[in-house]
């Protein structure tokens, strides 16, 4: 194989891998998979997977700079229910669900629910900041352009983000209670949060 053919083969392989990632992320995935074997994950209607309270695990460290340039550590929200939304300004399903997240976050904050975004694969803050302004998103988002937090923030064997958008609900102990790997309606978002909020 000539040098130029070898280079073309490598480029084609790389492009195929990137294409696969793009198709799996920010797709219309219904989020029906909730894990297999003895993981303890249960998938309900709407593709929302949950974990029984006794089986839950905490996230790894999820901390860094927000789009507003402030430092944020998810661990500081212990004692509250945390709704973490993984999103990108380039993602059409993220745009479809953003207004629901903006509305529900304002309404549930007095009940001890904190929303946090995890903005990923936006190479600069500008488009992400414009996205938040356009959709009235007032809660903070960690800026994660190379997906470092996304990859390292969730232990293996837990309800990890597997697509964009993904929404994860943490219980008051900072443990992963529920996950949806699809864009959520207002109704489904509330349905996902309600059982965790009702826990004592």
C-alpha atoms as a PDB file:
ATOM      1  CA  UNK A   1       0.000   0.000   0.000  1.00  0.00           C
ATOM      2  CA  UNK A   2       1.406   3.388  -0.935  1.00  0.00           C
ATOM      3  CA  UNK A   3       1.900   6.131   1.634  1.00  0.00           C
ATOM      4  CA  UNK A   4      -1.003   8.203   0.274  1.00  0.00           C
ATOM      5  CA  UNK A   5      -3.330   5.169   0.278  1.00  0.00           C
ATOM      6  CA  UNK A   6      -2.345   4.391   3.873  1.00  0.00           C
ATOM      7  CA  UNK A   7      -3.055   7.995   4.865  1.00  0.00           C
ATOM      8  CA  UNK A   8      -6.454   7.872   3.146  1.00  0.00           C
ATOM      9  CA  UNK A   9      -7.297   4.613   4.931  1.00  0.00           C
ATOM     10  CA  UNK A  10      -6.397   6.127   8.303  1.00  0.00           C
ATOM     11  CA  UNK A  11      -8.440   9.258   7.528  1.00  0.00           C
ATOM     12  CA  UNK A  12     -11.452   7.184   6.431  1.00  0.00           C
ATOM     13  CA  UNK A  13     -11.281   5.105   9.615  1.00  0.00           C
ATOM     14  CA  UNK A  14     -11.093   8.267  11.746  1.00  0.00           C
ATOM     15  CA  UNK A  15     -14.027   9.866   9.911  1.00  0.00           C
ATOM     16  CA  UNK A  16     -16.103   6.711  10.350  1.00  0.00           C
ATOM     17  CA  UNK A  17     -15.400   6.709  14.097  1.00  0.00           C
ATOM     18  CA  UNK A  18     -16.353  10.383  14.419  1.00  0.00           C
ATOM     19  CA  UNK A  19     -19.517   9.792  12.387  1.00  0.00           C
ATOM     20  CA  UNK A  20     -20.542   6.946  14.666  1.00  0.00           C
ATOM     21  CA  UNK A  21     -20.054   9.148  17.738  1.00  0.00           C
ATOM     22  CA  UNK A  22     -22.082  11.961  16.182  1.00  0.00           C
ATOM     23  CA  UNK A  23     -24.913   9.577  15.338  1.00  0.00           C
ATOM     24  CA  UNK A  24     -24.988   8.062  18.820  1.00  0.00           C
ATOM     25  CA  UNK A  25     -24.791  11.446  20.518  1.00  0.00           C
ATOM     26  CA  UNK A  26     -27.583  13.941  20.065  1.00  0.00           C
ATOM     27  CA  UNK A  27     -29.847  11.369  18.498  1.00  0.00           C
ATOM     28  CA  UNK A  28     -33.486  10.543  18.846  1.00  0.00           C
ATOM     29  CA  UNK A  29     -32.569   7.600  21.101  1.00  0.00           C
ATOM     30  CA  UNK A  30     -35.554   6.628  23.185  1.00  0.00           C
ATOM     31  CA  UNK A  31     -33.349   5.614  26.062  1.00  0.00           C
ATOM     32  CA  UNK A  32     -34.991   2.219  26.466  1.00  0.00           C
ATOM     33  CA  UNK A  33     -31.847   0.475  27.719  1.00  0.00           C
ATOM     34  CA  UNK A  34     -31.386   0.599  31.443  1.00  0.00           C
ATOM     35  CA  UNK A  35     -28.491  -1.776  31.899  1.00  0.00           C
ATOM     36  CA  UNK A  36     -28.351  -5.523  31.975  1.00  0.00           C
ATOM     37  CA  UNK A  37     -27.446  -8.356  34.279  1.00  0.00           C
ATOM     38  CA  UNK A  38     -27.422  -7.625  37.991  1.00  0.00           C
ATOM     39  CA  UNK A  39     -26.965  -3.874  37.714  1.00  0.00           C
ATOM     40  CA  UNK A  40     -30.098  -3.045  39.714  1.00  0.00           C
ATOM     41  CA  UNK A  41     -31.276  -0.611  37.033  1.00  0.00           C
ATOM     42  CA  UNK A  42     -34.978  -0.530  36.295  1.00  0.00           C
ATOM     43  CA  UNK A  43     -36.265   1.183  33.160  1.00  0.00           C
ATOM     44  CA  UNK A  44     -39.740   2.631  33.397  1.00  0.00           C
ATOM     45  CA  UNK A  45     -41.907   4.275  30.796  1.00  0.00           C
ATOM     46  CA  UNK A  46     -40.373   7.053  28.763  1.00  0.00           C
ATOM     47  CA  UNK A  47     -36.918   5.480  28.916  1.00  0.00           C
ATOM     48  CA  UNK A  48     -36.239   6.672  32.472  1.00  0.00           C
ATOM     49  CA  UNK A  49     -33.913   4.231  34.243  1.00  0.00           C
ATOM     50  CA  UNK A  50     -33.851   4.229  38.039  1.00  0.00           C
ATOM     51  CA  UNK A  51     -31.809   2.636  40.802  1.00  0.00           C
ATOM     52  CA  UNK A  52     -33.206   1.407  44.122  1.00  0.00           C
ATOM     53  CA  UNK A  53     -32.030   3.599  46.995  1.00  0.00           C
ATOM     54  CA  UNK A  54     -29.896   0.861  48.576  1.00  0.00           C
ATOM     55  CA  UNK A  55     -28.094   0.184  45.250  1.00  0.00           C
ATOM     56  CA  UNK A  56     -27.126   3.754  44.346  1.00  0.00           C
ATOM     57  CA  UNK A  57     -23.571   4.996  43.938  1.00  0.00           C
ATOM     58  CA  UNK A  58     -22.187   8.510  44.181  1.00  0.00           C
ATOM     59  CA  UNK A  59     -20.684  10.305  41.211  1.00  0.00           C
ATOM     60  CA  UNK A  60     -16.967  10.882  40.994  1.00  0.00           C
ATOM     61  CA  UNK A  61     -15.832  14.487  41.448  1.00  0.00           C
ATOM     62  CA  UNK A  62     -17.872  16.791  39.217  1.00  0.00           C
ATOM     63  CA  UNK A  63     -16.367  20.246  39.610  1.00  0.00           C
ATOM     64  CA  UNK A  64     -14.959  22.967  37.422  1.00  0.00           C
ATOM     65  CA  UNK A  65     -15.613  26.301  35.780  1.00  0.00           C
ATOM     66  CA  UNK A  66     -19.101  27.292  34.709  1.00  0.00           C
ATOM     67  CA  UNK A  67     -20.006  29.112  31.525  1.00  0.00           C
ATOM     68  CA  UNK A  68     -20.181  32.255  33.697  1.00  0.00           C
ATOM     69  CA  UNK A  69     -16.561  31.746  34.784  1.00  0.00           C
ATOM     70  CA  UNK A  70     -17.351  30.725  38.364  1.00  0.00           C
ATOM     71  CA  UNK A  71     -16.217  27.579  40.197  1.00  0.00           C
ATOM     72  CA  UNK A  72     -18.876  24.949  40.890  1.00  0.00           C
ATOM     73  CA  UNK A  73     -18.674  21.610  42.704  1.00  0.00           C
ATOM     74  CA  UNK A  74     -21.701  19.304  42.615  1.00  0.00           C
ATOM     75  CA  UNK A  75     -20.746  18.041  46.092  1.00  0.00           C
ATOM     76  CA  UNK A  76     -21.742  21.471  47.478  1.00  0.00           C
ATOM     77  CA  UNK A  77     -25.387  20.601  46.717  1.00  0.00           C
ATOM     78  CA  UNK A  78     -25.471  17.614  49.087  1.00  0.00           C
ATOM     79  CA  UNK A  79     -28.785  17.641  50.947  1.00  0.00           C
ATOM     80  CA  UNK A  80     -30.630  18.751  47.810  1.00  0.00           C
ATOM     81  CA  UNK A  81     -31.945  16.842  44.812  1.00  0.00           C
ATOM     82  CA  UNK A  82     -29.745  17.671  41.814  1.00  0.00           C
ATOM     83  CA  UNK A  83     -30.903  17.462  38.205  1.00  0.00           C
ATOM     84  CA  UNK A  84     -27.906  17.369  35.866  1.00  0.00           C
ATOM     85  CA  UNK A  85     -28.529  17.898  32.166  1.00  0.00           C
ATOM     86  CA  UNK A  86     -25.775  17.013  29.680  1.00  0.00           C
ATOM     87  CA  UNK A  87     -26.186  19.234  26.626  1.00  0.00           C
ATOM     88  CA  UNK A  88     -24.538  21.080  23.752  1.00  0.00           C
ATOM     89  CA  UNK A  89     -25.621  24.174  21.842  1.00  0.00           C
ATOM     90  CA  UNK A  90     -25.147  22.208  18.588  1.00  0.00           C
ATOM     91  CA  UNK A  91     -27.696  19.532  19.618  1.00  0.00           C
ATOM     92  CA  UNK A  92     -31.287  19.848  18.234  1.00  0.00           C
ATOM     93  CA  UNK A  93     -32.908  17.626  20.937  1.00  0.00           C
ATOM     94  CA  UNK A  94     -31.172  19.786  23.570  1.00  0.00           C
ATOM     95  CA  UNK A  95     -32.880  22.832  22.075  1.00  0.00           C
ATOM     96  CA  UNK A  96     -36.225  21.004  22.120  1.00  0.00           C
ATOM     97  CA  UNK A  97     -36.055  20.278  25.859  1.00  0.00           C
ATOM     98  CA  UNK A  98     -34.334  23.478  27.072  1.00  0.00           C
ATOM     99  CA  UNK A  99     -37.525  25.484  27.681  1.00  0.00           C
ATOM    100  CA  UNK A 100     -38.880  22.675  29.897  1.00  0.00           C
ATOM    101  CA  UNK A 101     -35.711  22.623  31.979  1.00  0.00           C
ATOM    102  CA  UNK A 102     -35.738  26.410  32.338  1.00  0.00           C
ATOM    103  CA  UNK A 103     -39.347  26.366  33.562  1.00  0.00           C
ATOM    104  CA  UNK A 104     -39.153  23.367  35.899  1.00  0.00           C
ATOM    105  CA  UNK A 105     -35.864  24.518  37.444  1.00  0.00           C
ATOM    106  CA  UNK A 106     -37.445  27.807  38.549  1.00  0.00           C
ATOM    107  CA  UNK A 107     -40.561  26.117  39.917  1.00  0.00           C
ATOM    108  CA  UNK A 108     -38.776  23.377  41.887  1.00  0.00           C
ATOM    109  CA  UNK A 109     -35.888  25.412  43.318  1.00  0.00           C
ATOM    110  CA  UNK A 110     -37.945  26.436  46.411  1.00  0.00           C
ATOM    111  CA  UNK A 111     -38.510  22.711  47.082  1.00  0.00           C
ATOM    112  CA  UNK A 112     -34.780  22.002  47.302  1.00  0.00           C
ATOM    113  CA  UNK A 113     -34.098  20.960  43.707  1.00  0.00           C
ATOM    114  CA  UNK A 114     -30.959  22.325  42.042  1.00  0.00           C
ATOM    115  CA  UNK A 115     -30.442  22.134  38.290  1.00  0.00           C
ATOM    116  CA  UNK A 116     -26.938  22.053  36.831  1.00  0.00           C
ATOM    117  CA  UNK A 117     -25.976  21.794  33.193  1.00  0.00           C
ATOM    118  CA  UNK A 118     -22.954  19.959  31.840  1.00  0.00           C
ATOM    119  CA  UNK A 119     -22.151  21.679  28.567  1.00  0.00           C
ATOM    120  CA  UNK A 120     -20.032  19.421  26.389  1.00  0.00           C
ATOM    121  CA  UNK A 121     -18.350  19.539  22.981  1.00  0.00           C
ATOM    122  CA  UNK A 122     -18.893  23.285  22.559  1.00  0.00           C
ATOM    123  CA  UNK A 123     -15.342  24.383  21.766  1.00  0.00           C
ATOM    124  CA  UNK A 124     -15.914  27.903  23.054  1.00  0.00           C
ATOM    125  CA  UNK A 125     -18.337  29.380  25.553  1.00  0.00           C
ATOM    126  CA  UNK A 126     -19.989  31.844  23.142  1.00  0.00           C
ATOM    127  CA  UNK A 127     -22.527  29.513  21.489  1.00  0.00           C
ATOM    128  CA  UNK A 128     -23.401  27.881  24.827  1.00  0.00           C
ATOM    129  CA  UNK A 129     -23.956  31.238  26.544  1.00  0.00           C
ATOM    130  CA  UNK A 130     -26.151  32.350  23.617  1.00  0.00           C
ATOM    131  CA  UNK A 131     -28.120  29.083  23.903  1.00  0.00           C
ATOM    132  CA  UNK A 132     -28.815  29.700  27.605  1.00  0.00           C
ATOM    133  CA  UNK A 133     -29.915  33.269  26.897  1.00  0.00           C
ATOM    134  CA  UNK A 134     -32.202  32.189  24.037  1.00  0.00           C
ATOM    135  CA  UNK A 135     -33.964  29.554  26.161  1.00  0.00           C
ATOM    136  CA  UNK A 136     -34.037  31.414  29.478  1.00  0.00           C
ATOM    137  CA  UNK A 137     -31.758  28.933  31.251  1.00  0.00           C
ATOM    138  CA  UNK A 138     -30.687  30.592  34.499  1.00  0.00           C
ATOM    139  CA  UNK A 139     -29.074  27.697  36.371  1.00  0.00           C
ATOM    140  CA  UNK A 140     -25.285  27.171  36.047  1.00  0.00           C
ATOM    141  CA  UNK A 141     -23.613  24.877  33.541  1.00  0.00           C
ATOM    142  CA  UNK A 142     -20.165  23.375  33.915  1.00  0.00           C
ATOM    143  CA  UNK A 143     -18.101  24.005  30.783  1.00  0.00           C
ATOM    144  CA  UNK A 144     -16.698  20.671  29.549  1.00  0.00           C
ATOM    145  CA  UNK A 145     -15.493  21.221  25.963  1.00  0.00           C
ATOM    146  CA  UNK A 146     -13.437  18.015  25.703  1.00  0.00           C
ATOM    147  CA  UNK A 147     -15.868  15.856  27.743  1.00  0.00           C
ATOM    148  CA  UNK A 148     -13.387  15.290  30.588  1.00  0.00           C
ATOM    149  CA  UNK A 149     -16.081  15.569  33.271  1.00  0.00           C
ATOM    150  CA  UNK A 150     -18.493  13.559  31.168  1.00  0.00           C
ATOM    151  CA  UNK A 151     -16.025  10.674  30.873  1.00  0.00           C
ATOM    152  CA  UNK A 152     -14.519  10.787  34.377  1.00  0.00           C
ATOM    153  CA  UNK A 153     -17.450  11.991  36.484  1.00  0.00           C
ATOM    154  CA  UNK A 154     -19.473   8.785  36.559  1.00  0.00           C
ATOM    155  CA  UNK A 155     -18.227   5.436  37.911  1.00  0.00           C
ATOM    156  CA  UNK A 156     -18.422   2.329  35.739  1.00  0.00           C
ATOM    157  CA  UNK A 157     -21.525   0.266  36.455  1.00  0.00           C
ATOM    158  CA  UNK A 158     -23.691   3.294  37.213  1.00  0.00           C
ATOM    159  CA  UNK A 159     -26.299   5.135  35.166  1.00  0.00           C
ATOM    160  CA  UNK A 160     -23.726   7.021  33.115  1.00  0.00           C
ATOM    161  CA  UNK A 161     -24.473   9.510  30.331  1.00  0.00           C
ATOM    162  CA  UNK A 162     -24.509   7.575  27.054  1.00  0.00           C
ATOM    163  CA  UNK A 163     -25.853  10.157  24.627  1.00  0.00           C
ATOM    164  CA  UNK A 164     -26.480  13.854  24.368  1.00  0.00           C
ATOM    165  CA  UNK A 165     -28.829  14.949  25.800  1.00  0.00           C
ATOM    166  CA  UNK A 166     -28.764  12.903  28.985  1.00  0.00           C
ATOM    167  CA  UNK A 167     -30.433  13.880  32.254  1.00  0.00           C
ATOM    168  CA  UNK A 168     -29.317  12.439  35.581  1.00  0.00           C
ATOM    169  CA  UNK A 169     -31.032  12.940  38.940  1.00  0.00           C
ATOM    170  CA  UNK A 170     -28.915  12.755  42.092  1.00  0.00           C
ATOM    171  CA  UNK A 171     -30.581  12.108  45.420  1.00  0.00           C
ATOM    172  CA  UNK A 172     -29.944  14.181  48.557  1.00  0.00           C
ATOM    173  CA  UNK A 173     -26.886  12.049  49.336  1.00  0.00           C
ATOM    174  CA  UNK A 174     -25.325  12.871  45.968  1.00  0.00           C
ATOM    175  CA  UNK A 175     -26.012   9.396  44.597  1.00  0.00           C
ATOM    176  CA  UNK A 176     -27.249   8.597  41.086  1.00  0.00           C
ATOM    177  CA  UNK A 177     -30.972   7.825  41.309  1.00  0.00           C
ATOM    178  CA  UNK A 178     -32.293   8.135  37.744  1.00  0.00           C
ATOM    179  CA  UNK A 179     -31.229   8.719  34.148  1.00  0.00           C
ATOM    180  CA  UNK A 180     -32.904   9.540  30.838  1.00  0.00           C
ATOM    181  CA  UNK A 181     -30.908   9.396  27.599  1.00  0.00           C
ATOM    182  CA  UNK A 182     -33.429  11.213  25.472  1.00  0.00           C
ATOM    183  CA  UNK A 183     -34.866  14.716  25.239  1.00  0.00           C
ATOM    184  CA  UNK A 184     -37.504  15.156  27.930  1.00  0.00           C
ATOM    185  CA  UNK A 185     -40.903  16.817  27.872  1.00  0.00           C
ATOM    186  CA  UNK A 186     -41.950  18.860  30.889  1.00  0.00           C
ATOM    187  CA  UNK A 187     -44.196  15.993  31.997  1.00  0.00           C
ATOM    188  CA  UNK A 188     -41.428  13.382  31.784  1.00  0.00           C
ATOM    189  CA  UNK A 189     -38.930  15.665  33.509  1.00  0.00           C
ATOM    190  CA  UNK A 190     -41.303  16.180  36.441  1.00  0.00           C
ATOM    191  CA  UNK A 191     -42.071  12.439  36.527  1.00  0.00           C
ATOM    192  CA  UNK A 192     -38.354  11.693  36.729  1.00  0.00           C
ATOM    193  CA  UNK A 193     -37.724  14.109  39.615  1.00  0.00           C
ATOM    194  CA  UNK A 194     -40.861  13.495  41.706  1.00  0.00           C
ATOM    195  CA  UNK A 195     -39.992  10.107  43.274  1.00  0.00           C
ATOM    196  CA  UNK A 196     -36.516  11.274  44.306  1.00  0.00           C
ATOM    197  CA  UNK A 197     -37.899  14.515  45.719  1.00  0.00           C
ATOM    198  CA  UNK A 198     -40.481  12.530  47.708  1.00  0.00           C
ATOM    199  CA  UNK A 199     -37.823  10.411  49.417  1.00  0.00           C
ATOM    200  CA  UNK A 200     -37.185  11.053  53.116  1.00  0.00           C
END
